[in-house]
Amino acid sequence: QVQLVESGGGLVQAGGSLRLSCAASGSPFSINAMGWYRQAPGKQHEFVAQIFSGGVADYPISVKGRFTISRDSSKNTVYLQMNKLKPEDTAVYLCNFRNAFGDIYWGQGTQVTVSS
C-alpha cells in the first residue's frame, strides 16, 4: 500500500522560506505526476503546484515566482521550496501522487503558519 508522508512545515515570519518534502513508501509505480495542495481553515482545497514525469511544472498565479516544485524520482520524493512567504500562505499542505492508471494517493498534510 502506498503511503505519502509530508515533512518540513512549521512557523515562519512573513518573507521567510520553508522547504516541504513528501516521501512515498510502498513502492509506487508508474507515477506520472506529483503535486501539492493546501487547505486553509474555512477555505476550499487549493492547488499549489504539480510536476509531471517529464519535469514540466505548473503553478497558480498566487504562488508562481515564489514556490518551486521539484522531484527525485529515484527516492519517490517531491519537494516544495517556498520563498517570500505571506500570511495568506498559512494552511495545511498536502502532497499527492497520481499514477498512469488514475490512482491518486494523498499524504496527511503538514502545517505551514506564516506570521505577519
PDB file of N, CA and C in Angstrom:
ATOM      1  N   GLN A   1       0.844  -1.184   0.000  1.00  0.00           N
ATOM      2  CA  GLN A   1       0.000   0.000   0.000  1.00  0.00           C
ATOM      3  C   GLN A   1       0.884   1.241   0.000  1.00  0.00           C
ATOM      4  N   VAL A   2       0.568   2.167  -0.868  1.00  0.00           N
ATOM      5  CA  VAL A   2       1.361   3.387  -0.990  1.00  0.00           C
ATOM      6  C   VAL A   2       0.982   4.363   0.113  1.00  0.00           C
ATOM      7  N   GLN A   3       1.980   4.908   0.770  1.00  0.00           N
ATOM      8  CA  GLN A   3       1.743   5.932   1.778  1.00  0.00           C
ATOM      9  C   GLN A   3       2.652   7.119   1.503  1.00  0.00           C
ATOM     10  N   LEU A   4       2.102   8.307   1.681  1.00  0.00           N
ATOM     11  CA  LEU A   4       2.866   9.535   1.494  1.00  0.00           C
ATOM     12  C   LEU A   4       3.010  10.228   2.833  1.00  0.00           C
ATOM     13  N   VAL A   5       4.203  10.710   3.126  1.00  0.00           N
ATOM     14  CA  VAL A   5       4.451  11.399   4.383  1.00  0.00           C
ATOM     15  C   VAL A   5       5.127  12.728   4.092  1.00  0.00           C
ATOM     16  N   GLU A   6       4.448  13.810   4.511  1.00  0.00           N
ATOM     17  CA  GLU A   6       5.000  15.144   4.330  1.00  0.00           C
ATOM     18  C   GLU A   6       5.830  15.539   5.556  1.00  0.00           C
ATOM     19  N   SER A   7       6.768  16.422   5.338  1.00  0.00           N
ATOM     20  CA  SER A   7       7.563  16.991   6.426  1.00  0.00           C
ATOM     21  C   SER A   7       8.053  18.357   6.004  1.00  0.00           C
ATOM     22  N   GLY A   8       8.538  19.120   6.987  1.00  0.00           N
ATOM     23  CA  GLY A   8       9.135  20.416   6.690  1.00  0.00           C
ATOM     24  C   GLY A   8       8.276  21.616   7.019  1.00  0.00           C
ATOM     25  N   GLY A   9       7.050  21.385   7.448  1.00  0.00           N
ATOM     26  CA  GLY A   9       6.201  22.509   7.819  1.00  0.00           C
ATOM     27  C   GLY A   9       6.676  23.159   9.111  1.00  0.00           C
ATOM     28  N   GLY A  10       6.067  24.290   9.436  1.00  0.00           N
ATOM     29  CA  GLY A  10       6.427  24.978  10.664  1.00  0.00           C
ATOM     30  C   GLY A  10       5.938  26.398  10.673  1.00  0.00           C
ATOM     31  N   LEU A  11       6.482  27.164  11.602  1.00  0.00           N
ATOM     32  CA  LEU A  11       6.135  28.576  11.767  1.00  0.00           C
ATOM     33  C   LEU A  11       7.269  29.428  11.235  1.00  0.00           C
ATOM     34  N   VAL A  12       6.928  30.386  10.401  1.00  0.00           N
ATOM     35  CA  VAL A  12       7.937  31.267   9.811  1.00  0.00           C
ATOM     36  C   VAL A  12       7.361  32.669   9.703  1.00  0.00           C
ATOM     37  N   GLN A  13       8.235  33.653   9.746  1.00  0.00           N
ATOM     38  CA  GLN A  13       7.780  35.031   9.581  1.00  0.00           C
ATOM     39  C   GLN A  13       7.556  35.341   8.115  1.00  0.00           C
ATOM     40  N   ALA A  14       6.701  36.301   7.871  1.00  0.00           N
ATOM     41  CA  ALA A  14       6.455  36.747   6.501  1.00  0.00           C
ATOM     42  C   ALA A  14       7.777  37.133   5.839  1.00  0.00           C
ATOM     43  N   GLY A  15       7.918  36.705   4.590  1.00  0.00           N
ATOM     44  CA  GLY A  15       9.155  36.951   3.863  1.00  0.00           C
ATOM     45  C   GLY A  15      10.161  35.818   3.973  1.00  0.00           C
ATOM     46  N   GLY A  16       9.892  34.890   4.864  1.00  0.00           N
ATOM     47  CA  GLY A  16      10.798  33.770   5.077  1.00  0.00           C
ATOM     48  C   GLY A  16      10.569  32.635   4.099  1.00  0.00           C
ATOM     49  N   SER A  17      11.281  31.537   4.333  1.00  0.00           N
ATOM     50  CA  SER A  17      11.237  30.389   3.435  1.00  0.00           C
ATOM     51  C   SER A  17      11.054  29.089   4.214  1.00  0.00           C
ATOM     52  N   LEU A  18      10.461  28.135   3.552  1.00  0.00           N
ATOM     53  CA  LEU A  18      10.349  26.768   4.054  1.00  0.00           C
ATOM     54  C   LEU A  18      10.494  25.817   2.878  1.00  0.00           C
ATOM     55  N   ARG A  19      10.975  24.622   3.176  1.00  0.00           N
ATOM     56  CA  ARG A  19      11.047  23.578   2.163  1.00  0.00           C
ATOM     57  C   ARG A  19      10.289  22.357   2.671  1.00  0.00           C
ATOM     58  N   LEU A  20       9.264  21.981   1.922  1.00  0.00           N
ATOM     59  CA  LEU A  20       8.477  20.811   2.263  1.00  0.00           C
ATOM     60  C   LEU A  20       8.973  19.608   1.475  1.00  0.00           C
ATOM     61  N   SER A  21       8.855  18.449   2.104  1.00  0.00           N
ATOM     62  CA  SER A  21       9.191  17.201   1.438  1.00  0.00           C
ATOM     63  C   SER A  21       8.024  16.242   1.556  1.00  0.00           C
ATOM     64  N   CYS A  22       7.903  15.373   0.578  1.00  0.00           N
ATOM     65  CA  CYS A  22       6.866  14.346   0.607  1.00  0.00           C
ATOM     66  C   CYS A  22       7.483  13.071   0.056  1.00  0.00           C
ATOM     67  N   ALA A  23       7.589  12.080   0.906  1.00  0.00           N
ATOM     68  CA  ALA A  23       8.205  10.822   0.519  1.00  0.00           C
ATOM     69  C   ALA A  23       7.149   9.726   0.472  1.00  0.00           C
ATOM     70  N   ALA A  24       7.244   8.900  -0.551  1.00  0.00           N
ATOM     71  CA  ALA A  24       6.304   7.801  -0.720  1.00  0.00           C
ATOM     72  C   ALA A  24       6.949   6.480  -0.344  1.00  0.00           C
ATOM     73  N   SER A  25       6.206   5.669   0.352  1.00  0.00           N
ATOM     74  CA  SER A  25       6.645   4.306   0.646  1.00  0.00           C
ATOM     75  C   SER A  25       5.655   3.331   0.039  1.00  0.00           C
ATOM     76  N   GLY A  26       6.035   2.078  -0.030  1.00  0.00           N
ATOM     77  CA  GLY A  26       5.128   1.100  -0.597  1.00  0.00           C
ATOM     78  C   GLY A  26       5.326   0.886  -2.078  1.00  0.00           C
ATOM     79  N   SER A  27       6.448   1.386  -2.605  1.00  0.00           N
ATOM     80  CA  SER A  27       6.816   1.148  -3.997  1.00  0.00           C
ATOM     81  C   SER A  27       5.753   1.587  -4.994  1.00  0.00           C
ATOM     82  N   PRO A  28       5.445   2.875  -5.005  1.00  0.00           N
ATOM     83  CA  PRO A  28       4.522   3.350  -6.038  1.00  0.00           C
ATOM     84  C   PRO A  28       5.159   3.202  -7.417  1.00  0.00           C
ATOM     85  N   PHE A  29       4.357   2.873  -8.413  1.00  0.00           N
ATOM     86  CA  PHE A  29       4.925   2.715  -9.736  1.00  0.00           C
ATOM     87  C   PHE A  29       4.082   3.483 -10.750  1.00  0.00           C
ATOM     88  N   SER A  30       4.697   3.724 -11.881  1.00  0.00           N
ATOM     89  CA  SER A  30       4.026   4.462 -12.966  1.00  0.00           C
ATOM     90  C   SER A  30       3.484   5.802 -12.491  1.00  0.00           C
ATOM     91  N   ILE A  31       4.219   6.454 -11.617  1.00  0.00           N
ATOM     92  CA  ILE A  31       3.805   7.780 -11.155  1.00  0.00           C
ATOM     93  C   ILE A  31       4.083   8.778 -12.262  1.00  0.00           C
ATOM     94  N   ASN A  32       3.084   9.469 -12.723  1.00  0.00           N
ATOM     95  CA  ASN A  32       3.303  10.433 -13.788  1.00  0.00           C
ATOM     96  C   ASN A  32       3.114  11.869 -13.345  1.00  0.00           C
ATOM     97  N   ALA A  33       2.665  12.068 -12.126  1.00  0.00           N
ATOM     98  CA  ALA A  33       2.541  13.444 -11.638  1.00  0.00           C
ATOM     99  C   ALA A  33       2.609  13.454 -10.114  1.00  0.00           C
ATOM    100  N   MET A  34       3.256  14.475  -9.603  1.00  0.00           N
ATOM    101  CA  MET A  34       3.322  14.696  -8.162  1.00  0.00           C
ATOM    102  C   MET A  34       2.905  16.136  -7.919  1.00  0.00           C
ATOM    103  N   GLY A  35       2.173  16.362  -6.858  1.00  0.00           N
ATOM    104  CA  GLY A  35       1.685  17.714  -6.648  1.00  0.00           C
ATOM    105  C   GLY A  35       1.512  18.087  -5.196  1.00  0.00           C
ATOM    106  N   TRP A  36       1.242  19.366  -5.004  1.00  0.00           N
ATOM    107  CA  TRP A  36       0.959  19.921  -3.688  1.00  0.00           C
ATOM    108  C   TRP A  36      -0.346  20.717  -3.745  1.00  0.00           C
ATOM    109  N   TYR A  37      -1.128  20.558  -2.704  1.00  0.00           N
ATOM    110  CA  TYR A  37      -2.345  21.337  -2.500  1.00  0.00           C
ATOM    111  C   TYR A  37      -2.280  21.906  -1.091  1.00  0.00           C
ATOM    112  N   ARG A  38      -3.172  22.831  -0.815  1.00  0.00           N
ATOM    113  CA  ARG A  38      -3.238  23.357   0.548  1.00  0.00           C
ATOM    114  C   ARG A  38      -4.685  23.646   0.926  1.00  0.00           C
ATOM    115  N   GLN A  39      -4.918  23.623   2.217  1.00  0.00           N
ATOM    116  CA  GLN A  39      -6.250  23.931   2.708  1.00  0.00           C
ATOM    117  C   GLN A  39      -6.139  24.775   3.956  1.00  0.00           C
ATOM    118  N   ALA A  40      -6.688  25.970   3.866  1.00  0.00           N
ATOM    119  CA  ALA A  40      -6.722  26.877   4.997  1.00  0.00           C
ATOM    120  C   ALA A  40      -8.084  26.747   5.672  1.00  0.00           C
ATOM    121  N   PRO A  41      -8.173  27.085   6.957  1.00  0.00           N
ATOM    122  CA  PRO A  41      -9.449  26.993   7.667  1.00  0.00           C
ATOM    123  C   PRO A  41     -10.554  27.786   6.972  1.00  0.00           C
ATOM    124  N   GLY A  42     -11.670  27.148   6.731  1.00  0.00           N
ATOM    125  CA  GLY A  42     -12.796  27.816   6.117  1.00  0.00           C
ATOM    126  C   GLY A  42     -12.681  28.024   4.626  1.00  0.00           C
ATOM    127  N   LYS A  43     -11.623  27.495   4.019  1.00  0.00           N
ATOM    128  CA  LYS A  43     -11.427  27.674   2.571  1.00  0.00           C
ATOM    129  C   LYS A  43     -11.404  26.330   1.866  1.00  0.00           C
ATOM    130  N   GLN A  44     -11.602  26.392   0.571  1.00  0.00           N
ATOM    131  CA  GLN A  44     -11.577  25.172  -0.231  1.00  0.00           C
ATOM    132  C   GLN A  44     -10.140  24.723  -0.472  1.00  0.00           C
ATOM    133  N   HIS A  45     -10.037  23.462  -0.820  1.00  0.00           N
ATOM    134  CA  HIS A  45      -8.776  22.899  -1.256  1.00  0.00           C
ATOM    135  C   HIS A  45      -8.226  23.739  -2.404  1.00  0.00           C
ATOM    136  N   GLU A  46      -6.946  24.095  -2.335  1.00  0.00           N
ATOM    137  CA  GLU A  46      -6.361  24.954  -3.367  1.00  0.00           C
ATOM    138  C   GLU A  46      -5.137  24.284  -3.972  1.00  0.00           C
ATOM    139  N   PHE A  47      -5.083  24.263  -5.274  1.00  0.00           N
ATOM    140  CA  PHE A  47      -3.927  23.727  -5.996  1.00  0.00           C
ATOM    141  C   PHE A  47      -2.734  24.655  -5.785  1.00  0.00           C
ATOM    142  N   VAL A  48      -1.562  24.070  -5.531  1.00  0.00           N
ATOM    143  CA  VAL A  48      -0.360  24.870  -5.290  1.00  0.00           C
ATOM    144  C   VAL A  48       0.701  24.632  -6.359  1.00  0.00           C
ATOM    145  N   ALA A  49       0.938  23.384  -6.711  1.00  0.00           N
ATOM    146  CA  ALA A  49       1.976  23.091  -7.703  1.00  0.00           C
ATOM    147  C   ALA A  49       1.877  21.634  -8.105  1.00  0.00           C
ATOM    148  N   GLN A  50       2.340  21.345  -9.307  1.00  0.00           N
ATOM    149  CA  GLN A  50       2.468  19.954  -9.717  1.00  0.00           C
ATOM    150  C   GLN A  50       3.623  19.840 -10.686  1.00  0.00           C
ATOM    151  N   ILE A  51       4.182  18.646 -10.746  1.00  0.00           N
ATOM    152  CA  ILE A  51       5.286  18.386 -11.661  1.00  0.00           C
ATOM    153  C   ILE A  51       5.043  17.034 -12.304  1.00  0.00           C
ATOM    154  N   PHE A  52       5.249  16.983 -13.613  1.00  0.00           N
ATOM    155  CA  PHE A  52       4.993  15.774 -14.377  1.00  0.00           C
ATOM    156  C   PHE A  52       6.283  14.984 -14.572  1.00  0.00           C
ATOM    157  N   SER A  53       6.117  13.772 -15.050  1.00  0.00           N
ATOM    158  CA  SER A  53       7.266  12.884 -15.175  1.00  0.00           C
ATOM    159  C   SER A  53       8.342  13.454 -16.075  1.00  0.00           C
ATOM    160  N   GLY A  54       7.965  14.289 -17.035  1.00  0.00           N
ATOM    161  CA  GLY A  54       8.957  14.886 -17.920  1.00  0.00           C
ATOM    162  C   GLY A  54       9.658  16.087 -17.309  1.00  0.00           C
ATOM    163  N   GLY A  55       9.215  16.493 -16.126  1.00  0.00           N
ATOM    164  CA  GLY A  55       9.854  17.614 -15.450  1.00  0.00           C
ATOM    165  C   GLY A  55       9.123  18.939 -15.590  1.00  0.00           C
ATOM    166  N   VAL A  56       8.075  18.972 -16.382  1.00  0.00           N
ATOM    167  CA  VAL A  56       7.309  20.205 -16.553  1.00  0.00           C
ATOM    168  C   VAL A  56       6.520  20.477 -15.279  1.00  0.00           C
ATOM    169  N   ALA A  57       6.577  21.730 -14.832  1.00  0.00           N
ATOM    170  CA  ALA A  57       5.890  22.125 -13.602  1.00  0.00           C
ATOM    171  C   ALA A  57       4.793  23.135 -13.904  1.00  0.00           C
ATOM    172  N   ASP A  58       3.834  23.192 -13.008  1.00  0.00           N
ATOM    173  CA  ASP A  58       2.683  24.067 -13.191  1.00  0.00           C
ATOM    174  C   ASP A  58       2.332  24.696 -11.847  1.00  0.00           C
ATOM    175  N   TYR A  59       2.005  25.998 -11.865  1.00  0.00           N
ATOM    176  CA  TYR A  59       1.685  26.734 -10.637  1.00  0.00           C
ATOM    177  C   TYR A  59       0.506  27.670 -10.883  1.00  0.00           C
ATOM    178  N   PRO A  60      -0.264  27.959  -9.857  1.00  0.00           N
ATOM    179  CA  PRO A  60      -1.258  29.019  -9.985  1.00  0.00           C
ATOM    180  C   PRO A  60      -0.567  30.381  -9.817  1.00  0.00           C
ATOM    181  N   ILE A  61      -1.264  31.404 -10.214  1.00  0.00           N
ATOM    182  CA  ILE A  61      -0.717  32.757 -10.145  1.00  0.00           C
ATOM    183  C   ILE A  61      -0.330  33.131  -8.712  1.00  0.00           C
ATOM    184  N   SER A  62      -1.086  32.629  -7.752  1.00  0.00           N
ATOM    185  CA  SER A  62      -0.885  33.038  -6.354  1.00  0.00           C
ATOM    186  C   SER A  62       0.493  32.677  -5.809  1.00  0.00           C
ATOM    187  N   VAL A  63       1.145  31.654  -6.384  1.00  0.00           N
ATOM    188  CA  VAL A  63       2.444  31.230  -5.863  1.00  0.00           C
ATOM    189  C   VAL A  63       3.551  31.271  -6.915  1.00  0.00           C
ATOM    190  N   LYS A  64       3.197  31.502  -8.162  1.00  0.00           N
ATOM    191  CA  LYS A  64       4.189  31.485  -9.229  1.00  0.00           C
ATOM    192  C   LYS A  64       5.258  32.532  -8.975  1.00  0.00           C
ATOM    193  N   GLY A  65       6.510  32.116  -9.111  1.00  0.00           N
ATOM    194  CA  GLY A  65       7.620  33.017  -8.857  1.00  0.00           C
ATOM    195  C   GLY A  65       8.116  32.980  -7.428  1.00  0.00           C
ATOM    196  N   ARG A  66       7.318  32.393  -6.532  1.00  0.00           N
ATOM    197  CA  ARG A  66       7.725  32.267  -5.127  1.00  0.00           C
ATOM    198  C   ARG A  66       7.962  30.811  -4.726  1.00  0.00           C
ATOM    199  N   PHE A  67       7.186  29.913  -5.288  1.00  0.00           N
ATOM    200  CA  PHE A  67       7.284  28.492  -4.954  1.00  0.00           C
ATOM    201  C   PHE A  67       7.908  27.727  -6.118  1.00  0.00           C
ATOM    202  N   THR A  68       8.686  26.698  -5.769  1.00  0.00           N
ATOM    203  CA  THR A  68       9.287  25.841  -6.783  1.00  0.00           C
ATOM    204  C   THR A  68       9.107  24.385  -6.375  1.00  0.00           C
ATOM    205  N   ILE A  69       8.543  23.605  -7.277  1.00  0.00           N
ATOM    206  CA  ILE A  69       8.364  22.176  -7.032  1.00  0.00           C
ATOM    207  C   ILE A  69       9.472  21.417  -7.752  1.00  0.00           C
ATOM    208  N   SER A  70       9.961  20.367  -7.118  1.00  0.00           N
ATOM    209  CA  SER A  70      10.963  19.518  -7.738  1.00  0.00           C
ATOM    210  C   SER A  70      10.730  18.086  -7.274  1.00  0.00           C
ATOM    211  N   ARG A  71      11.381  17.153  -7.940  1.00  0.00           N
ATOM    212  CA  ARG A  71      11.167  15.756  -7.594  1.00  0.00           C
ATOM    213  C   ARG A  71      12.458  14.972  -7.713  1.00  0.00           C
ATOM    214  N   ASP A  72      12.544  13.942  -6.919  1.00  0.00           N
ATOM    215  CA  ASP A  72      13.629  12.969  -7.029  1.00  0.00           C
ATOM    216  C   ASP A  72      12.945  11.628  -7.213  1.00  0.00           C
ATOM    217  N   SER A  73      12.806  11.228  -8.449  1.00  0.00           N
ATOM    218  CA  SER A  73      12.069  10.004  -8.744  1.00  0.00           C
ATOM    219  C   SER A  73      12.741   8.776  -8.163  1.00  0.00           C
ATOM    220  N   SER A  74      14.055   8.800  -8.052  1.00  0.00           N
ATOM    221  CA  SER A  74      14.773   7.648  -7.504  1.00  0.00           C
ATOM    222  C   SER A  74      14.428   7.423  -6.035  1.00  0.00           C
ATOM    223  N   LYS A  75      13.987   8.501  -5.367  1.00  0.00           N
ATOM    224  CA  LYS A  75      13.614   8.413  -3.960  1.00  0.00           C
ATOM    225  C   LYS A  75      12.112   8.513  -3.756  1.00  0.00           C
ATOM    226  N   ASN A  76      11.367   8.571  -4.865  1.00  0.00           N
ATOM    227  CA  ASN A  76       9.905   8.748  -4.776  1.00  0.00           C
ATOM    228  C   ASN A  76       9.555   9.902  -3.851  1.00  0.00           C
ATOM    229  N   THR A  77      10.248  11.017  -4.060  1.00  0.00           N
ATOM    230  CA  THR A  77      10.075  12.177  -3.194  1.00  0.00           C
ATOM    231  C   THR A  77       9.834  13.430  -4.028  1.00  0.00           C
ATOM    232  N   VAL A  78       8.931  14.261  -3.547  1.00  0.00           N
ATOM    233  CA  VAL A  78       8.671  15.547  -4.174  1.00  0.00           C
ATOM    234  C   VAL A  78       8.906  16.633  -3.134  1.00  0.00           C
ATOM    235  N   TYR A  79       9.400  17.771  -3.603  1.00  0.00           N
ATOM    236  CA  TYR A  79       9.739  18.872  -2.719  1.00  0.00           C
ATOM    237  C   TYR A  79       8.970  20.134  -3.127  1.00  0.00           C
ATOM    238  N   LEU A  80       8.789  21.008  -2.172  1.00  0.00           N
ATOM    239  CA  LEU A  80       8.204  22.312  -2.471  1.00  0.00           C
ATOM    240  C   LEU A  80       9.019  23.361  -1.730  1.00  0.00           C
ATOM    241  N   GLN A  81       9.785  24.123  -2.484  1.00  0.00           N
ATOM    242  CA  GLN A  81      10.539  25.234  -1.922  1.00  0.00           C
ATOM    243  C   GLN A  81       9.651  26.469  -1.940  1.00  0.00           C
ATOM    244  N   MET A  82       9.418  27.039  -0.781  1.00  0.00           N
ATOM    245  CA  MET A  82       8.524  28.186  -0.658  1.00  0.00           C
ATOM    246  C   MET A  82       9.325  29.388  -0.158  1.00  0.00           C
ATOM    247  N   ASN A  83       9.392  30.414  -0.977  1.00  0.00           N
ATOM    248  CA  ASN A  83      10.118  31.638  -0.633  1.00  0.00           C
ATOM    249  C   ASN A  83       9.139  32.799  -0.553  1.00  0.00           C
ATOM    250  N   LYS A  84       9.591  33.864   0.077  1.00  0.00           N
ATOM    251  CA  LYS A  84       8.779  35.084   0.192  1.00  0.00           C
ATOM    252  C   LYS A  84       7.379  34.739   0.698  1.00  0.00           C
ATOM    253  N   LEU A  85       7.321  33.989   1.758  1.00  0.00           N
ATOM    254  CA  LEU A  85       6.032  33.538   2.275  1.00  0.00           C
ATOM    255  C   LEU A  85       5.209  34.701   2.814  1.00  0.00           C
ATOM    256  N   LYS A  86       3.908  34.559   2.652  1.00  0.00           N
ATOM    257  CA  LYS A  86       2.948  35.572   3.085  1.00  0.00           C
ATOM    258  C   LYS A  86       1.995  34.955   4.100  1.00  0.00           C
ATOM    259  N   PRO A  87       1.383  35.773   4.949  1.00  0.00           N
ATOM    260  CA  PRO A  87       0.410  35.223   5.903  1.00  0.00           C
ATOM    261  C   PRO A  87      -0.702  34.430   5.222  1.00  0.00           C
ATOM    262  N   GLU A  88      -1.074  34.829   4.031  1.00  0.00           N
ATOM    263  CA  GLU A  88      -2.139  34.114   3.322  1.00  0.00           C
ATOM    264  C   GLU A  88      -1.697  32.754   2.797  1.00  0.00           C
ATOM    265  N   ASP A  89      -0.416  32.423   2.937  1.00  0.00           N
ATOM    266  CA  ASP A  89       0.059  31.085   2.588  1.00  0.00           C
ATOM    267  C   ASP A  89      -0.170  30.094   3.728  1.00  0.00           C
ATOM    268  N   THR A  90      -0.619  30.596   4.864  1.00  0.00           N
ATOM    269  CA  THR A  90      -0.876  29.726   6.011  1.00  0.00           C
ATOM    270  C   THR A  90      -1.955  28.704   5.673  1.00  0.00           C
ATOM    271  N   ALA A  91      -1.626  27.429   5.867  1.00  0.00           N
ATOM    272  CA  ALA A  91      -2.549  26.346   5.527  1.00  0.00           C
ATOM    273  C   ALA A  91      -1.904  25.012   5.888  1.00  0.00           C
ATOM    274  N   VAL A  92      -2.697  23.967   5.782  1.00  0.00           N
ATOM    275  CA  VAL A  92      -2.156  22.610   5.803  1.00  0.00           C
ATOM    276  C   VAL A  92      -1.808  22.257   4.362  1.00  0.00           C
ATOM    277  N   TYR A  93      -0.585  21.840   4.151  1.00  0.00           N
ATOM    278  CA  TYR A  93      -0.103  21.498   2.811  1.00  0.00           C
ATOM    279  C   TYR A  93      -0.092  19.972   2.654  1.00  0.00           C
ATOM    280  N   LEU A  94      -0.718  19.518   1.591  1.00  0.00           N
ATOM    281  CA  LEU A  94      -0.826  18.090   1.323  1.00  0.00           C
ATOM    282  C   LEU A  94      -0.207  17.760  -0.028  1.00  0.00           C
ATOM    283  N   CYS A  95       0.481  16.642  -0.073  1.00  0.00           N
ATOM    284  CA  CYS A  95       1.035  16.218  -1.354  1.00  0.00           C
ATOM    285  C   CYS A  95       0.177  15.109  -1.934  1.00  0.00           C
ATOM    286  N   ASN A  96       0.263  14.946  -3.235  1.00  0.00           N
ATOM    287  CA  ASN A  96      -0.385  13.805  -3.868  1.00  0.00           C
ATOM    288  C   ASN A  96       0.438  13.276  -5.019  1.00  0.00           C
ATOM    289  N   PHE A  97       0.306  12.005  -5.249  1.00  0.00           N
ATOM    290  CA  PHE A  97       0.917  11.332  -6.397  1.00  0.00           C
ATOM    291  C   PHE A  97      -0.217  10.768  -7.246  1.00  0.00           C
ATOM    292  N   ARG A  98      -0.032  10.841  -8.537  1.00  0.00           N
ATOM    293  CA  ARG A  98      -1.016  10.267  -9.458  1.00  0.00           C
ATOM    294  C   ARG A  98      -0.290   9.326 -10.414  1.00  0.00           C
ATOM    295  N   ASN A  99      -0.840   8.123 -10.582  1.00  0.00           N
ATOM    296  CA  ASN A  99      -0.176   7.192 -11.489  1.00  0.00           C
ATOM    297  C   ASN A  99      -0.894   7.107 -12.817  1.00  0.00           C
ATOM    298  N   ALA A 100      -0.331   6.334 -13.712  1.00  0.00           N
ATOM    299  CA  ALA A 100      -0.849   6.243 -15.081  1.00  0.00           C
ATOM    300  C   ALA A 100      -2.210   5.551 -15.144  1.00  0.00           C
ATOM    301  N   PHE A 101      -2.624   4.939 -14.050  1.00  0.00           N
ATOM    302  CA  PHE A 101      -3.904   4.230 -14.031  1.00  0.00           C
ATOM    303  C   PHE A 101      -5.013   5.082 -13.418  1.00  0.00           C
ATOM    304  N   GLY A 102      -4.663   6.304 -13.042  1.00  0.00           N
ATOM    305  CA  GLY A 102      -5.667   7.196 -12.474  1.00  0.00           C
ATOM    306  C   GLY A 102      -5.778   7.141 -10.968  1.00  0.00           C
ATOM    307  N   ASP A 103      -4.950   6.307 -10.321  1.00  0.00           N
ATOM    308  CA  ASP A 103      -4.972   6.255  -8.859  1.00  0.00           C
ATOM    309  C   ASP A 103      -4.311   7.504  -8.297  1.00  0.00           C
ATOM    310  N   ILE A 104      -4.889   8.039  -7.253  1.00  0.00           N
ATOM    311  CA  ILE A 104      -4.342   9.222  -6.597  1.00  0.00           C
ATOM    312  C   ILE A 104      -4.101   8.912  -5.130  1.00  0.00           C
ATOM    313  N   TYR A 105      -2.900   9.212  -4.669  1.00  0.00           N
ATOM    314  CA  TYR A 105      -2.534   8.983  -3.283  1.00  0.00           C
ATOM    315  C   TYR A 105      -2.287  10.326  -2.599  1.00  0.00           C
ATOM    316  N   TRP A 106      -2.742  10.431  -1.363  1.00  0.00           N
ATOM    317  CA  TRP A 106      -2.615  11.671  -0.593  1.00  0.00           C
ATOM    318  C   TRP A 106      -1.837  11.441   0.696  1.00  0.00           C
ATOM    319  N   GLY A 107      -1.097  12.463   1.097  1.00  0.00           N
ATOM    320  CA  GLY A 107      -0.478  12.460   2.404  1.00  0.00           C
ATOM    321  C   GLY A 107      -1.431  13.038   3.437  1.00  0.00           C
ATOM    322  N   GLN A 108      -0.992  13.043   4.685  1.00  0.00           N
ATOM    323  CA  GLN A 108      -1.826  13.542   5.779  1.00  0.00           C
ATOM    324  C   GLN A 108      -1.741  15.052   5.939  1.00  0.00           C
ATOM    325  N   GLY A 109      -0.684  15.632   5.410  1.00  0.00           N
ATOM    326  CA  GLY A 109      -0.552  17.086   5.472  1.00  0.00           C
ATOM    327  C   GLY A 109       0.459  17.553   6.504  1.00  0.00           C
ATOM    328  N   THR A 110       0.989  18.727   6.249  1.00  0.00           N
ATOM    329  CA  THR A 110       1.900  19.373   7.192  1.00  0.00           C
ATOM    330  C   THR A 110       1.506  20.840   7.317  1.00  0.00           C
ATOM    331  N   GLN A 111       1.492  21.342   8.541  1.00  0.00           N
ATOM    332  CA  GLN A 111       1.015  22.702   8.792  1.00  0.00           C
ATOM    333  C   GLN A 111       2.102  23.712   8.481  1.00  0.00           C
ATOM    334  N   VAL A 112       1.723  24.727   7.754  1.00  0.00           N
ATOM    335  CA  VAL A 112       2.592  25.878   7.500  1.00  0.00           C
ATOM    336  C   VAL A 112       1.887  27.112   8.041  1.00  0.00           C
ATOM    337  N   THR A 113       2.560  27.829   8.926  1.00  0.00           N
ATOM    338  CA  THR A 113       1.996  29.032   9.513  1.00  0.00           C
ATOM    339  C   THR A 113       2.957  30.193   9.273  1.00  0.00           C
ATOM    340  N   VAL A 114       2.444  31.240   8.662  1.00  0.00           N
ATOM    341  CA  VAL A 114       3.259  32.414   8.360  1.00  0.00           C
ATOM    342  C   VAL A 114       2.737  33.578   9.183  1.00  0.00           C
ATOM    343  N   SER A 115       3.578  34.101  10.038  1.00  0.00           N
ATOM    344  CA  SER A 115       3.179  35.217  10.888  1.00  0.00           C
ATOM    345  C   SER A 115       3.510  36.548  10.226  1.00  0.00           C
ATOM    346  N   SER A 116       2.698  37.542  10.519  1.00  0.00           N
ATOM    347  CA  SER A 116       2.900  38.862   9.901  1.00  0.00           C
ATOM    348  C   SER A 116       3.825  39.719  10.735  1.00  0.00           C
TER     349      SER A 116
END
